[in-house]
N, C-alpha and C. Protein backbone atom coordinates (compact mmCIF):
# COMPACT_ATOMS: atom_id res chain seq x y z
N VAL A 1 0.85 -1.18 0.00
CA VAL A 1 0.00 0.00 0.00
C VAL A 1 0.89 1.23 0.00
N LEU A 2 0.74 2.04 -1.03
CA LEU A 2 1.50 3.28 -1.10
C LEU A 2 0.84 4.39 -0.29
N ALA A 3 -0.49 4.46 -0.39
CA ALA A 3 -1.20 5.56 0.27
C ALA A 3 -2.63 5.15 0.57
N HIS A 4 -3.17 5.74 1.63
CA HIS A 4 -4.59 5.63 1.96
C HIS A 4 -5.19 7.00 1.67
N ALA A 5 -6.40 7.00 1.10
CA ALA A 5 -7.01 8.26 0.70
C ALA A 5 -8.52 8.14 0.70
N THR A 6 -9.19 9.28 0.52
CA THR A 6 -10.65 9.29 0.40
C THR A 6 -11.05 10.12 -0.80
N HIS A 7 -12.26 9.84 -1.25
CA HIS A 7 -12.91 10.66 -2.28
C HIS A 7 -14.40 10.56 -2.04
N ALA A 8 -15.06 11.68 -1.93
CA ALA A 8 -16.50 11.73 -1.69
C ALA A 8 -16.90 10.86 -0.50
N GLY A 9 -16.08 10.87 0.56
CA GLY A 9 -16.40 10.15 1.78
C GLY A 9 -16.13 8.66 1.74
N ARG A 10 -15.58 8.15 0.64
CA ARG A 10 -15.29 6.72 0.52
C ARG A 10 -13.78 6.49 0.61
N ALA A 11 -13.39 5.37 1.20
CA ALA A 11 -11.97 5.06 1.41
C ALA A 11 -11.38 4.32 0.21
N TYR A 12 -10.15 4.67 -0.12
CA TYR A 12 -9.41 4.03 -1.21
C TYR A 12 -7.97 3.83 -0.76
N SER A 13 -7.30 2.91 -1.43
CA SER A 13 -5.86 2.71 -1.24
C SER A 13 -5.20 2.80 -2.59
N VAL A 14 -4.02 3.37 -2.64
CA VAL A 14 -3.20 3.38 -3.85
C VAL A 14 -2.13 2.33 -3.61
N LEU A 15 -2.08 1.34 -4.49
CA LEU A 15 -1.20 0.21 -4.31
C LEU A 15 -0.13 0.15 -5.39
N ASN A 16 0.97 -0.48 -5.07
CA ASN A 16 1.98 -0.82 -6.06
C ASN A 16 2.06 -2.34 -6.05
N VAL A 17 1.75 -2.93 -7.18
CA VAL A 17 1.74 -4.38 -7.28
C VAL A 17 2.86 -4.80 -8.21
N LYS A 18 3.69 -5.69 -7.72
CA LYS A 18 4.80 -6.19 -8.53
C LYS A 18 4.66 -7.70 -8.66
N VAL A 19 4.58 -8.16 -9.89
CA VAL A 19 4.51 -9.58 -10.17
C VAL A 19 5.82 -9.96 -10.83
N SER A 20 6.60 -10.78 -10.15
CA SER A 20 7.90 -11.15 -10.71
C SER A 20 7.81 -12.41 -11.55
N ALA A 21 6.84 -13.25 -11.29
CA ALA A 21 6.62 -14.46 -12.08
C ALA A 21 5.21 -14.95 -11.78
N GLY A 22 4.75 -15.86 -12.57
CA GLY A 22 3.44 -16.44 -12.30
C GLY A 22 2.36 -15.84 -13.16
N ARG A 23 1.24 -15.55 -12.55
CA ARG A 23 0.04 -15.15 -13.28
C ARG A 23 -0.38 -13.73 -12.94
N PRO A 24 0.05 -12.75 -13.73
CA PRO A 24 -0.33 -11.36 -13.43
C PRO A 24 -1.83 -11.11 -13.53
N GLN A 25 -2.55 -11.96 -14.30
CA GLN A 25 -3.99 -11.76 -14.43
C GLN A 25 -4.74 -12.10 -13.14
N GLN A 26 -4.04 -12.63 -12.14
CA GLN A 26 -4.68 -12.96 -10.88
C GLN A 26 -4.74 -11.80 -9.90
N ILE A 27 -4.20 -10.65 -10.25
CA ILE A 27 -4.22 -9.48 -9.36
C ILE A 27 -5.65 -9.10 -9.01
N ARG A 28 -6.51 -8.97 -10.00
CA ARG A 28 -7.88 -8.52 -9.75
C ARG A 28 -8.68 -9.50 -8.90
N PRO A 29 -8.74 -10.79 -9.23
CA PRO A 29 -9.54 -11.69 -8.37
C PRO A 29 -8.97 -11.84 -6.96
N ASN A 30 -7.65 -11.90 -6.84
CA ASN A 30 -7.07 -12.03 -5.50
C ASN A 30 -7.30 -10.79 -4.66
N SER A 31 -7.22 -9.62 -5.27
CA SER A 31 -7.51 -8.38 -4.55
C SER A 31 -8.98 -8.33 -4.13
N ALA A 32 -9.85 -8.77 -5.00
CA ALA A 32 -11.28 -8.80 -4.67
C ALA A 32 -11.55 -9.74 -3.50
N LEU A 33 -10.89 -10.88 -3.49
CA LEU A 33 -11.06 -11.82 -2.37
C LEU A 33 -10.61 -11.21 -1.05
N ALA A 34 -9.63 -10.31 -1.11
CA ALA A 34 -9.14 -9.63 0.09
C ALA A 34 -10.01 -8.42 0.45
N GLY A 35 -11.05 -8.15 -0.35
CA GLY A 35 -11.93 -7.03 -0.07
C GLY A 35 -11.48 -5.72 -0.67
N HIS A 36 -10.58 -5.78 -1.65
CA HIS A 36 -10.05 -4.58 -2.29
C HIS A 36 -10.21 -4.69 -3.80
N THR A 37 -11.39 -4.42 -4.31
CA THR A 37 -11.58 -4.46 -5.76
C THR A 37 -11.00 -3.20 -6.38
N ALA A 38 -10.54 -3.32 -7.61
CA ALA A 38 -10.04 -2.15 -8.33
C ALA A 38 -11.22 -1.24 -8.67
N VAL A 39 -11.00 0.04 -8.63
CA VAL A 39 -12.02 1.01 -8.99
C VAL A 39 -12.46 0.72 -10.43
N GLY A 40 -13.77 0.69 -10.64
CA GLY A 40 -14.31 0.51 -11.99
C GLY A 40 -14.23 -0.91 -12.51
N ASP A 41 -13.96 -1.88 -11.66
CA ASP A 41 -13.82 -3.27 -12.09
C ASP A 41 -15.19 -3.91 -12.24
N LEU A 42 -15.67 -4.00 -13.48
CA LEU A 42 -17.00 -4.54 -13.75
C LEU A 42 -17.11 -6.03 -13.43
N ARG A 43 -16.03 -6.72 -13.42
CA ARG A 43 -16.08 -8.16 -13.17
C ARG A 43 -16.12 -8.49 -11.68
N TYR A 44 -15.38 -7.78 -10.86
CA TYR A 44 -15.23 -8.16 -9.45
C TYR A 44 -15.88 -7.19 -8.45
N SER A 45 -16.32 -6.04 -8.90
CA SER A 45 -17.02 -5.10 -8.01
C SER A 45 -18.52 -5.26 -8.19
N SER A 46 -19.26 -4.76 -7.22
CA SER A 46 -20.71 -4.76 -7.36
C SER A 46 -21.11 -3.64 -8.34
N ILE A 47 -22.22 -3.81 -8.99
CA ILE A 47 -22.70 -2.79 -9.94
C ILE A 47 -22.90 -1.45 -9.24
N PRO A 48 -23.53 -1.39 -8.03
CA PRO A 48 -23.67 -0.09 -7.36
C PRO A 48 -22.32 0.59 -7.09
N THR A 49 -21.31 -0.19 -6.75
CA THR A 49 -19.98 0.37 -6.51
C THR A 49 -19.40 0.97 -7.79
N VAL A 50 -19.51 0.24 -8.89
CA VAL A 50 -19.00 0.74 -10.18
C VAL A 50 -19.75 2.00 -10.59
N ILE A 51 -21.07 2.01 -10.42
CA ILE A 51 -21.87 3.19 -10.77
C ILE A 51 -21.46 4.39 -9.92
N GLU A 52 -21.18 4.14 -8.64
CA GLU A 52 -20.75 5.19 -7.72
C GLU A 52 -19.40 5.79 -8.13
N ASP A 53 -18.48 4.95 -8.59
CA ASP A 53 -17.13 5.39 -8.94
C ASP A 53 -17.00 5.97 -10.34
N THR A 54 -17.89 5.60 -11.27
CA THR A 54 -17.73 5.97 -12.67
C THR A 54 -17.67 7.49 -12.92
N PRO A 55 -18.50 8.31 -12.29
CA PRO A 55 -18.38 9.75 -12.56
C PRO A 55 -17.02 10.33 -12.17
N TRP A 56 -16.40 9.73 -11.17
CA TRP A 56 -15.10 10.20 -10.69
C TRP A 56 -13.95 9.60 -11.49
N CYS A 57 -14.00 8.30 -11.71
CA CYS A 57 -12.93 7.60 -12.43
C CYS A 57 -13.57 6.73 -13.49
N GLY A 58 -13.62 7.23 -14.70
CA GLY A 58 -14.33 6.55 -15.78
C GLY A 58 -13.55 5.44 -16.45
N CYS A 59 -12.64 4.81 -15.73
CA CYS A 59 -11.88 3.69 -16.31
C CYS A 59 -11.54 2.70 -15.20
N LEU A 60 -11.01 1.57 -15.59
CA LEU A 60 -10.52 0.61 -14.61
C LEU A 60 -9.34 1.24 -13.89
N GLY A 61 -9.37 1.24 -12.57
CA GLY A 61 -8.30 1.87 -11.78
C GLY A 61 -7.08 0.99 -11.65
N LEU A 62 -6.62 0.44 -12.75
CA LEU A 62 -5.45 -0.42 -12.76
C LEU A 62 -4.61 -0.02 -13.96
N HIS A 63 -3.34 0.26 -13.72
CA HIS A 63 -2.47 0.69 -14.82
C HIS A 63 -1.14 -0.03 -14.75
N GLN A 64 -0.77 -0.61 -15.85
CA GLN A 64 0.53 -1.27 -15.95
C GLN A 64 1.52 -0.24 -16.47
N HIS A 65 2.38 0.23 -15.60
CA HIS A 65 3.33 1.28 -15.94
C HIS A 65 4.61 0.73 -16.55
N ARG A 66 5.06 -0.40 -16.05
CA ARG A 66 6.39 -0.89 -16.44
C ARG A 66 6.38 -2.40 -16.64
N VAL A 67 7.00 -2.83 -17.71
CA VAL A 67 7.17 -4.26 -17.99
C VAL A 67 8.64 -4.47 -18.34
N VAL A 68 9.24 -5.47 -17.73
CA VAL A 68 10.62 -5.85 -18.04
C VAL A 68 10.59 -7.33 -18.39
N PHE A 69 11.23 -7.70 -19.49
CA PHE A 69 11.27 -9.09 -19.92
C PHE A 69 12.51 -9.34 -20.77
N LEU A 70 12.80 -10.62 -20.98
CA LEU A 70 13.92 -11.01 -21.84
C LEU A 70 13.37 -11.30 -23.23
N ASP A 71 13.99 -10.74 -24.24
CA ASP A 71 13.54 -11.00 -25.61
C ASP A 71 14.13 -12.31 -26.11
N GLU A 72 13.87 -12.64 -27.39
CA GLU A 72 14.30 -13.92 -27.94
C GLU A 72 15.83 -14.10 -27.98
N THR A 73 16.58 -13.00 -27.89
CA THR A 73 18.04 -13.09 -27.88
C THR A 73 18.60 -13.13 -26.46
N GLY A 74 17.73 -13.03 -25.46
CA GLY A 74 18.17 -13.02 -24.07
C GLY A 74 18.45 -11.62 -23.54
N GLY A 75 18.25 -10.62 -24.40
CA GLY A 75 18.45 -9.25 -23.96
C GLY A 75 17.25 -8.74 -23.17
N GLN A 76 17.51 -7.91 -22.19
CA GLN A 76 16.44 -7.36 -21.36
C GLN A 76 15.77 -6.19 -22.06
N LYS A 77 14.46 -6.21 -22.09
CA LYS A 77 13.66 -5.12 -22.66
C LYS A 77 12.79 -4.53 -21.57
N GLU A 78 12.57 -3.24 -21.67
CA GLU A 78 11.71 -2.54 -20.71
C GLU A 78 10.70 -1.71 -21.49
N ILE A 79 9.45 -1.77 -21.05
CA ILE A 79 8.39 -0.96 -21.63
C ILE A 79 7.87 -0.05 -20.54
N LEU A 80 7.79 1.23 -20.81
CA LEU A 80 7.18 2.19 -19.90
C LEU A 80 5.96 2.77 -20.59
N GLU A 81 4.84 2.75 -19.91
CA GLU A 81 3.60 3.26 -20.48
C GLU A 81 3.06 4.37 -19.59
N PRO A 82 2.84 5.56 -20.15
CA PRO A 82 2.30 6.66 -19.34
C PRO A 82 0.90 6.34 -18.80
N MET A 83 0.60 6.89 -17.66
CA MET A 83 -0.71 6.71 -17.07
C MET A 83 -1.75 7.45 -17.91
N PRO A 84 -2.90 6.83 -18.18
CA PRO A 84 -3.95 7.52 -18.93
C PRO A 84 -4.42 8.77 -18.19
N ALA A 85 -4.76 9.79 -18.95
CA ALA A 85 -5.17 11.08 -18.37
C ALA A 85 -6.35 10.93 -17.42
N VAL A 86 -7.31 10.07 -17.75
CA VAL A 86 -8.50 9.91 -16.90
C VAL A 86 -8.11 9.33 -15.53
N LEU A 87 -7.17 8.40 -15.51
CA LEU A 87 -6.73 7.81 -14.24
C LEU A 87 -5.87 8.80 -13.45
N LEU A 88 -5.04 9.53 -14.14
CA LEU A 88 -4.22 10.57 -13.50
C LEU A 88 -5.12 11.63 -12.85
N ALA A 89 -6.17 12.02 -13.54
CA ALA A 89 -7.12 13.01 -12.99
C ALA A 89 -7.82 12.45 -11.75
N ALA A 90 -8.19 11.17 -11.78
CA ALA A 90 -8.85 10.55 -10.62
C ALA A 90 -7.90 10.52 -9.42
N LEU A 91 -6.65 10.16 -9.65
CA LEU A 91 -5.66 10.16 -8.56
C LEU A 91 -5.51 11.55 -7.96
N ALA A 92 -5.51 12.57 -8.83
CA ALA A 92 -5.34 13.95 -8.37
C ALA A 92 -6.50 14.41 -7.49
N GLU A 93 -7.67 13.79 -7.64
CA GLU A 93 -8.84 14.18 -6.84
C GLU A 93 -8.90 13.50 -5.48
N LEU A 94 -8.01 12.54 -5.23
CA LEU A 94 -8.00 11.86 -3.94
C LEU A 94 -7.48 12.79 -2.84
N THR A 95 -8.03 12.64 -1.65
CA THR A 95 -7.53 13.35 -0.47
C THR A 95 -6.75 12.34 0.36
N PRO A 96 -5.42 12.51 0.46
CA PRO A 96 -4.64 11.53 1.21
C PRO A 96 -4.92 11.60 2.70
N ARG A 97 -4.77 10.46 3.35
CA ARG A 97 -4.87 10.41 4.81
C ARG A 97 -3.78 11.33 5.36
N PRO A 98 -4.11 12.19 6.32
CA PRO A 98 -3.12 13.15 6.83
C PRO A 98 -2.13 12.50 7.80
N ASP A 99 -1.37 11.54 7.30
CA ASP A 99 -0.40 10.85 8.14
C ASP A 99 1.03 11.11 7.69
N GLY A 100 1.21 11.98 6.71
CA GLY A 100 2.54 12.27 6.19
C GLY A 100 2.96 11.26 5.13
N THR A 101 2.87 9.98 5.45
CA THR A 101 3.27 8.93 4.53
C THR A 101 2.36 8.89 3.30
N SER A 102 1.05 8.87 3.52
CA SER A 102 0.10 8.82 2.41
C SER A 102 0.18 10.09 1.57
N GLU A 103 0.32 11.23 2.24
CA GLU A 103 0.42 12.50 1.51
C GLU A 103 1.64 12.51 0.59
N GLU A 104 2.78 12.10 1.12
CA GLU A 104 4.02 12.08 0.35
C GLU A 104 3.95 11.06 -0.79
N ALA A 105 3.43 9.87 -0.50
CA ALA A 105 3.35 8.82 -1.51
C ALA A 105 2.43 9.22 -2.66
N LEU A 106 1.29 9.80 -2.35
CA LEU A 106 0.37 10.22 -3.41
C LEU A 106 0.97 11.36 -4.23
N ARG A 107 1.62 12.29 -3.57
CA ARG A 107 2.28 13.39 -4.29
C ARG A 107 3.34 12.84 -5.24
N ARG A 108 4.15 11.90 -4.74
CA ARG A 108 5.21 11.31 -5.55
C ARG A 108 4.63 10.50 -6.72
N CYS A 109 3.59 9.77 -6.46
CA CYS A 109 2.93 8.98 -7.50
C CYS A 109 2.43 9.89 -8.63
N LEU A 110 1.81 11.01 -8.27
CA LEU A 110 1.31 11.95 -9.27
C LEU A 110 2.46 12.59 -10.05
N GLU A 111 3.54 12.92 -9.36
CA GLU A 111 4.71 13.49 -10.04
C GLU A 111 5.29 12.51 -11.05
N LEU A 112 5.47 11.27 -10.63
CA LEU A 112 6.05 10.26 -11.53
C LEU A 112 5.13 9.97 -12.70
N ALA A 113 3.83 9.91 -12.44
CA ALA A 113 2.88 9.64 -13.52
C ALA A 113 2.88 10.78 -14.54
N ALA A 114 3.00 12.00 -14.06
CA ALA A 114 3.01 13.16 -14.96
C ALA A 114 4.29 13.22 -15.80
N MET A 115 5.37 12.62 -15.28
CA MET A 115 6.66 12.66 -15.99
C MET A 115 6.86 11.46 -16.91
N SER A 116 5.93 10.50 -16.91
CA SER A 116 6.10 9.29 -17.71
C SER A 116 6.33 9.63 -19.17
N LYS A 117 7.15 8.83 -19.80
CA LYS A 117 7.47 9.02 -21.21
C LYS A 117 6.78 7.93 -22.02
N PRO A 118 6.65 8.13 -23.32
CA PRO A 118 6.03 7.10 -24.18
C PRO A 118 6.82 5.80 -24.11
N PRO A 119 6.19 4.70 -24.49
CA PRO A 119 6.86 3.40 -24.44
C PRO A 119 8.15 3.38 -25.25
N LYS A 120 9.15 2.67 -24.72
CA LYS A 120 10.42 2.50 -25.44
C LYS A 120 10.27 1.44 -26.53
N VAL A 121 9.54 0.36 -26.24
CA VAL A 121 9.30 -0.71 -27.20
C VAL A 121 7.87 -1.19 -27.01
N ARG A 122 7.41 -2.03 -27.90
CA ARG A 122 6.07 -2.59 -27.78
C ARG A 122 6.16 -4.10 -27.56
N ALA A 123 5.23 -4.63 -26.76
CA ALA A 123 5.16 -6.06 -26.54
C ALA A 123 3.81 -6.39 -25.93
N THR A 124 3.47 -7.65 -25.91
CA THR A 124 2.19 -8.06 -25.32
C THR A 124 2.37 -8.78 -23.99
N ILE A 125 3.60 -8.97 -23.54
CA ILE A 125 3.86 -9.63 -22.27
C ILE A 125 3.47 -8.70 -21.13
N VAL A 126 2.80 -9.23 -20.12
CA VAL A 126 2.39 -8.39 -19.00
C VAL A 126 3.01 -8.85 -17.70
N ALA A 127 3.49 -7.91 -16.94
CA ALA A 127 4.02 -8.16 -15.59
C ALA A 127 3.91 -6.85 -14.84
N PRO A 128 2.75 -6.54 -14.24
CA PRO A 128 2.51 -5.23 -13.64
C PRO A 128 3.49 -4.85 -12.55
N ASP A 129 3.83 -3.60 -12.53
CA ASP A 129 4.62 -2.96 -11.48
C ASP A 129 4.13 -1.53 -11.47
N SER A 130 2.94 -1.32 -10.91
CA SER A 130 2.28 -0.05 -11.13
C SER A 130 1.38 0.36 -9.99
N PRO A 131 1.18 1.66 -9.85
CA PRO A 131 0.20 2.11 -8.88
C PRO A 131 -1.21 1.88 -9.41
N TRP A 132 -2.11 1.52 -8.54
CA TRP A 132 -3.50 1.41 -8.93
C TRP A 132 -4.38 1.64 -7.72
N LEU A 133 -5.62 1.87 -7.99
CA LEU A 133 -6.57 2.20 -6.94
C LEU A 133 -7.35 0.97 -6.52
N ALA A 134 -7.51 0.77 -5.26
CA ALA A 134 -8.32 -0.32 -4.74
C ALA A 134 -9.31 0.26 -3.75
N ARG A 135 -10.43 -0.39 -3.65
CA ARG A 135 -11.46 0.06 -2.75
C ARG A 135 -11.79 -1.07 -1.79
N GLY A 136 -11.93 -0.76 -0.53
CA GLY A 136 -12.34 -1.79 0.42
C GLY A 136 -11.74 -1.63 1.79
N ARG A 137 -11.64 -2.76 2.48
CA ARG A 137 -11.16 -2.75 3.86
C ARG A 137 -9.74 -2.20 3.96
N GLY A 138 -9.45 -1.58 5.08
CA GLY A 138 -8.09 -1.15 5.38
C GLY A 138 -7.70 0.18 4.77
N ALA A 139 -8.53 0.76 3.98
CA ALA A 139 -8.17 2.03 3.34
C ALA A 139 -8.39 3.17 4.29
């Protein structure tokens, strides 16, 4: 958990999820089982929750910022993908918990997202290492 925050009286957490091996597609169901569905997740959130979040964050609150993998020659490749403007705007509307840590982490997350550069290379391999929004217990 990078930061705890609120928006419109509801609690959220900003997370950094790193998958080093295995099944990156399991992030959403495993988070849902823990009571932390991604914002806008039509598959794992309740419809009322998605409807509540849509005016604020009109996309899935999950962003894959960085992918590192070995290509067919064994060379390491890195892909950096800028955060979508709609998700960046939603993050900017969060009010961090006034504990110093959440405030600093959210500020840093917004700074880094705003500085992101276009992808260096293209690929379809996924291994998330990115901030994303979760809703539920502990926020």
